[in-house]
Amino acid sequence: MAERQGQKAAKNMMGAHERFEAVPFFWSQHYDVPINYVGYPEAWDTIDIEGDVEKRNCSVSYKRDGRTLAQVTIFRDLESLEAESEMERVISTP
């Protein structure tokens, strides 16, 4: 995330005047458990859990009006990347 912000800042210092609109994300490793988070929900009306939380293989989606605003995954890296890609696509669609 910081790298993307730096790239946008550098462009703007060169006169681009572009707004930073990338989807926020972070990846973390807690002992042997990878946790990936993408998106930012200021408010949501449903939380969907897919998979098995106790077995540490799951995805948690925060949604509002049926649209995924954020997603947390454990041991589902590809799913996290796909969620980020979809959120980026939605942001860039006028």
N, C-alpha and C. Protein backbone atom coordinates (compact mmCIF):
# COMPACT_ATOMS: atom_id res chain seq x y z
N MET A 1 0.83 -1.17 0.00
CA MET A 1 0.00 0.00 0.00
C MET A 1 0.88 1.24 0.00
N ALA A 2 1.90 1.25 0.85
CA ALA A 2 2.79 2.40 0.93
C ALA A 2 3.51 2.62 -0.40
N GLU A 3 3.88 1.53 -1.06
CA GLU A 3 4.55 1.67 -2.36
C GLU A 3 3.63 2.31 -3.39
N ARG A 4 2.36 1.90 -3.39
CA ARG A 4 1.40 2.49 -4.33
C ARG A 4 1.17 3.97 -4.03
N GLN A 5 1.11 4.31 -2.75
CA GLN A 5 0.94 5.72 -2.38
C GLN A 5 2.15 6.54 -2.82
N GLY A 6 3.34 5.97 -2.64
CA GLY A 6 4.56 6.66 -3.05
C GLY A 6 4.61 6.90 -4.55
N GLN A 7 4.17 5.92 -5.33
CA GLN A 7 4.15 6.08 -6.78
C GLN A 7 3.21 7.21 -7.19
N LYS A 8 2.04 7.24 -6.57
CA LYS A 8 1.07 8.30 -6.90
C LYS A 8 1.60 9.66 -6.46
N ALA A 9 2.25 9.71 -5.29
CA ALA A 9 2.82 10.97 -4.80
C ALA A 9 3.90 11.48 -5.76
N ALA A 10 4.73 10.57 -6.25
CA ALA A 10 5.79 10.97 -7.19
C ALA A 10 5.19 11.54 -8.48
N LYS A 11 4.16 10.89 -8.99
CA LYS A 11 3.49 11.40 -10.20
C LYS A 11 2.91 12.79 -9.95
N ASN A 12 2.30 12.96 -8.79
CA ASN A 12 1.69 14.25 -8.48
C ASN A 12 2.74 15.34 -8.28
N MET A 13 3.90 14.97 -7.75
CA MET A 13 4.98 15.94 -7.60
C MET A 13 5.47 16.40 -8.97
N MET A 14 5.25 15.55 -9.98
CA MET A 14 5.65 15.88 -11.34
C MET A 14 4.51 16.59 -12.09
N GLY A 15 3.40 16.87 -11.39
CA GLY A 15 2.32 17.65 -11.98
C GLY A 15 1.11 16.86 -12.44
N ALA A 16 1.01 15.58 -12.13
CA ALA A 16 -0.09 14.76 -12.64
C ALA A 16 -1.44 15.11 -12.02
N HIS A 17 -1.49 15.53 -10.78
CA HIS A 17 -2.75 15.89 -10.10
C HIS A 17 -3.75 14.73 -10.12
N GLU A 18 -3.28 13.52 -9.79
CA GLU A 18 -4.14 12.34 -9.77
C GLU A 18 -4.54 12.01 -8.33
N ARG A 19 -5.76 11.59 -8.18
CA ARG A 19 -6.27 11.21 -6.86
C ARG A 19 -5.86 9.78 -6.55
N PHE A 20 -5.45 9.51 -5.31
CA PHE A 20 -5.10 8.16 -4.89
C PHE A 20 -6.37 7.42 -4.53
N GLU A 21 -6.69 6.37 -5.29
CA GLU A 21 -7.94 5.64 -5.08
C GLU A 21 -7.75 4.14 -4.98
N ALA A 22 -6.56 3.67 -4.72
CA ALA A 22 -6.32 2.23 -4.63
C ALA A 22 -7.07 1.63 -3.45
N VAL A 23 -7.48 0.40 -3.60
CA VAL A 23 -8.16 -0.32 -2.53
C VAL A 23 -7.15 -0.64 -1.43
N PRO A 24 -7.43 -0.28 -0.18
CA PRO A 24 -6.48 -0.57 0.90
C PRO A 24 -6.39 -2.08 1.16
N PHE A 25 -5.21 -2.52 1.56
CA PHE A 25 -5.02 -3.93 1.88
C PHE A 25 -3.84 -4.09 2.82
N PHE A 26 -3.81 -5.21 3.50
CA PHE A 26 -2.60 -5.61 4.22
C PHE A 26 -2.58 -7.12 4.32
N TRP A 27 -1.39 -7.65 4.39
CA TRP A 27 -1.18 -9.07 4.60
C TRP A 27 -0.36 -9.21 5.85
N SER A 28 -0.70 -10.17 6.67
CA SER A 28 0.02 -10.37 7.91
C SER A 28 0.22 -11.86 8.16
N GLN A 29 1.21 -12.18 8.93
CA GLN A 29 1.51 -13.57 9.26
C GLN A 29 1.53 -13.68 10.78
N HIS A 30 0.63 -14.45 11.34
CA HIS A 30 0.57 -14.65 12.79
C HIS A 30 0.94 -16.10 13.06
N TYR A 31 2.18 -16.27 13.52
CA TYR A 31 2.76 -17.60 13.68
C TYR A 31 2.71 -18.27 12.30
N ASP A 32 1.97 -19.33 12.12
CA ASP A 32 1.91 -19.98 10.81
C ASP A 32 0.62 -19.68 10.06
N VAL A 33 -0.08 -18.62 10.44
CA VAL A 33 -1.39 -18.33 9.86
C VAL A 33 -1.35 -17.02 9.07
N PRO A 34 -1.48 -17.10 7.74
CA PRO A 34 -1.53 -15.88 6.94
C PRO A 34 -2.93 -15.27 6.95
N ILE A 35 -3.00 -13.98 7.26
CA ILE A 35 -4.28 -13.26 7.26
C ILE A 35 -4.16 -12.12 6.26
N ASN A 36 -5.08 -12.10 5.30
CA ASN A 36 -5.09 -11.06 4.27
C ASN A 36 -6.37 -10.25 4.42
N TYR A 37 -6.24 -8.94 4.30
CA TYR A 37 -7.38 -8.04 4.43
C TYR A 37 -7.35 -7.09 3.24
N VAL A 38 -8.50 -6.92 2.61
CA VAL A 38 -8.60 -6.00 1.48
C VAL A 38 -9.92 -5.26 1.57
N GLY A 39 -9.89 -3.95 1.26
CA GLY A 39 -11.09 -3.14 1.27
C GLY A 39 -11.17 -2.25 2.49
N TYR A 40 -12.29 -1.54 2.59
CA TYR A 40 -12.53 -0.67 3.74
C TYR A 40 -14.03 -0.44 3.88
N PRO A 41 -14.65 -1.09 4.86
CA PRO A 41 -16.08 -0.86 5.07
C PRO A 41 -16.33 0.14 6.18
N GLU A 42 -16.87 1.28 5.85
CA GLU A 42 -17.24 2.23 6.90
C GLU A 42 -18.46 1.70 7.65
N ALA A 43 -19.32 1.02 6.93
CA ALA A 43 -20.51 0.40 7.53
C ALA A 43 -20.91 -0.77 6.65
N TRP A 44 -21.52 -1.78 7.24
CA TRP A 44 -21.96 -2.93 6.47
C TRP A 44 -23.25 -3.44 7.08
N ASP A 45 -24.00 -4.21 6.28
CA ASP A 45 -25.25 -4.76 6.79
C ASP A 45 -25.21 -6.29 6.93
N THR A 46 -24.24 -6.94 6.29
CA THR A 46 -24.10 -8.38 6.46
C THR A 46 -22.63 -8.78 6.48
N ILE A 47 -22.38 -9.87 7.16
CA ILE A 47 -21.05 -10.49 7.17
C ILE A 47 -21.25 -11.94 6.76
N ASP A 48 -20.59 -12.34 5.67
CA ASP A 48 -20.68 -13.72 5.18
C ASP A 48 -19.38 -14.44 5.50
N ILE A 49 -19.50 -15.61 6.10
CA ILE A 49 -18.34 -16.43 6.40
C ILE A 49 -18.40 -17.69 5.55
N GLU A 50 -17.33 -17.92 4.81
CA GLU A 50 -17.24 -19.11 3.97
C GLU A 50 -16.03 -19.91 4.42
N GLY A 51 -16.21 -21.21 4.56
CA GLY A 51 -15.11 -22.04 5.00
C GLY A 51 -15.22 -22.36 6.48
N ASP A 52 -14.11 -22.78 7.07
CA ASP A 52 -14.09 -23.23 8.45
C ASP A 52 -13.11 -22.38 9.26
N VAL A 53 -13.64 -21.50 10.09
CA VAL A 53 -12.82 -20.60 10.89
C VAL A 53 -11.94 -21.40 11.85
N GLU A 54 -12.52 -22.40 12.49
CA GLU A 54 -11.76 -23.19 13.46
C GLU A 54 -10.59 -23.94 12.82
N LYS A 55 -10.76 -24.35 11.57
CA LYS A 55 -9.67 -25.03 10.86
C LYS A 55 -8.75 -24.05 10.15
N ARG A 56 -9.02 -22.75 10.35
CA ARG A 56 -8.19 -21.67 9.78
C ARG A 56 -8.10 -21.73 8.26
N ASN A 57 -9.23 -21.91 7.62
CA ASN A 57 -9.32 -21.87 6.16
C ASN A 57 -10.66 -21.24 5.84
N CYS A 58 -10.67 -19.91 5.74
CA CYS A 58 -11.95 -19.24 5.58
C CYS A 58 -11.80 -17.87 4.92
N SER A 59 -12.96 -17.34 4.61
CA SER A 59 -13.06 -16.00 4.05
C SER A 59 -14.24 -15.32 4.74
N VAL A 60 -14.04 -14.07 5.13
CA VAL A 60 -15.09 -13.29 5.78
C VAL A 60 -15.31 -12.04 4.94
N SER A 61 -16.53 -11.88 4.44
CA SER A 61 -16.85 -10.75 3.57
C SER A 61 -17.79 -9.79 4.29
N TYR A 62 -17.44 -8.51 4.27
CA TYR A 62 -18.27 -7.45 4.83
C TYR A 62 -19.01 -6.80 3.67
N LYS A 63 -20.35 -6.84 3.72
CA LYS A 63 -21.15 -6.39 2.58
C LYS A 63 -22.18 -5.34 2.98
N ARG A 64 -22.48 -4.50 2.01
CA ARG A 64 -23.58 -3.54 2.15
C ARG A 64 -24.35 -3.55 0.85
N ASP A 65 -25.66 -3.72 0.95
CA ASP A 65 -26.53 -3.80 -0.23
C ASP A 65 -26.05 -4.84 -1.22
N GLY A 66 -25.54 -5.97 -0.72
CA GLY A 66 -25.10 -7.06 -1.58
C GLY A 66 -23.72 -6.91 -2.17
N ARG A 67 -23.09 -5.77 -1.97
CA ARG A 67 -21.75 -5.50 -2.53
C ARG A 67 -20.67 -5.72 -1.48
N THR A 68 -19.62 -6.46 -1.85
CA THR A 68 -18.52 -6.71 -0.92
C THR A 68 -17.67 -5.45 -0.79
N LEU A 69 -17.53 -4.97 0.45
CA LEU A 69 -16.74 -3.77 0.73
C LEU A 69 -15.37 -4.11 1.27
N ALA A 70 -15.27 -5.26 1.94
CA ALA A 70 -13.99 -5.70 2.50
C ALA A 70 -14.03 -7.22 2.64
N GLN A 71 -12.85 -7.80 2.62
CA GLN A 71 -12.76 -9.25 2.76
C GLN A 71 -11.50 -9.61 3.54
N VAL A 72 -11.66 -10.52 4.48
CA VAL A 72 -10.55 -11.05 5.24
C VAL A 72 -10.45 -12.53 4.90
N THR A 73 -9.24 -13.00 4.58
CA THR A 73 -9.07 -14.41 4.27
C THR A 73 -7.95 -15.00 5.13
N ILE A 74 -8.10 -16.28 5.42
CA ILE A 74 -7.07 -17.04 6.10
C ILE A 74 -6.76 -18.24 5.22
N PHE A 75 -5.51 -18.35 4.80
CA PHE A 75 -5.06 -19.42 3.89
C PHE A 75 -5.81 -19.41 2.57
N ARG A 76 -6.19 -18.25 2.07
CA ARG A 76 -6.87 -18.14 0.77
C ARG A 76 -6.32 -16.93 0.02
N ASP A 77 -5.03 -16.98 -0.28
CA ASP A 77 -4.35 -15.86 -0.94
C ASP A 77 -4.98 -15.50 -2.27
N LEU A 78 -5.24 -16.49 -3.11
CA LEU A 78 -5.80 -16.22 -4.43
C LEU A 78 -7.16 -15.54 -4.32
N GLU A 79 -7.98 -16.00 -3.42
CA GLU A 79 -9.30 -15.40 -3.22
C GLU A 79 -9.17 -13.93 -2.80
N SER A 80 -8.19 -13.65 -1.96
CA SER A 80 -7.94 -12.28 -1.53
C SER A 80 -7.53 -11.40 -2.71
N LEU A 81 -6.64 -11.90 -3.55
CA LEU A 81 -6.19 -11.14 -4.72
C LEU A 81 -7.34 -10.91 -5.70
N GLU A 82 -8.19 -11.91 -5.86
CA GLU A 82 -9.35 -11.76 -6.76
C GLU A 82 -10.31 -10.72 -6.21
N ALA A 83 -10.51 -10.69 -4.90
CA ALA A 83 -11.39 -9.68 -4.28
C ALA A 83 -10.82 -8.28 -4.50
N GLU A 84 -9.50 -8.14 -4.32
CA GLU A 84 -8.88 -6.84 -4.55
C GLU A 84 -9.05 -6.40 -5.99
N SER A 85 -8.84 -7.31 -6.92
CA SER A 85 -8.98 -6.99 -8.34
C SER A 85 -10.41 -6.54 -8.66
N GLU A 86 -11.39 -7.22 -8.10
CA GLU A 86 -12.79 -6.84 -8.34
C GLU A 86 -13.10 -5.48 -7.73
N MET A 87 -12.59 -5.21 -6.54
CA MET A 87 -12.82 -3.91 -5.91
C MET A 87 -12.15 -2.79 -6.71
N GLU A 88 -10.96 -3.04 -7.23
CA GLU A 88 -10.27 -2.05 -8.07
C GLU A 88 -11.09 -1.79 -9.34
N ARG A 89 -11.66 -2.85 -9.92
CA ARG A 89 -12.46 -2.70 -11.14
C ARG A 89 -13.69 -1.84 -10.87
N VAL A 90 -14.33 -2.06 -9.74
CA VAL A 90 -15.52 -1.30 -9.38
C VAL A 90 -15.19 0.17 -9.17
N ILE A 91 -14.05 0.45 -8.53
CA ILE A 91 -13.64 1.83 -8.29
C ILE A 91 -13.36 2.56 -9.61
N SER A 92 -12.74 1.86 -10.55
CA SER A 92 -12.36 2.52 -11.79
C SER A 92 -13.49 2.61 -12.82
N THR A 93 -14.64 1.99 -12.52
CA THR A 93 -15.78 2.07 -13.42
C THR A 93 -16.57 3.34 -13.11
N PRO A 94 -16.75 4.19 -14.15
CA PRO A 94 -17.46 5.46 -13.90
C PRO A 94 -18.92 5.27 -13.55
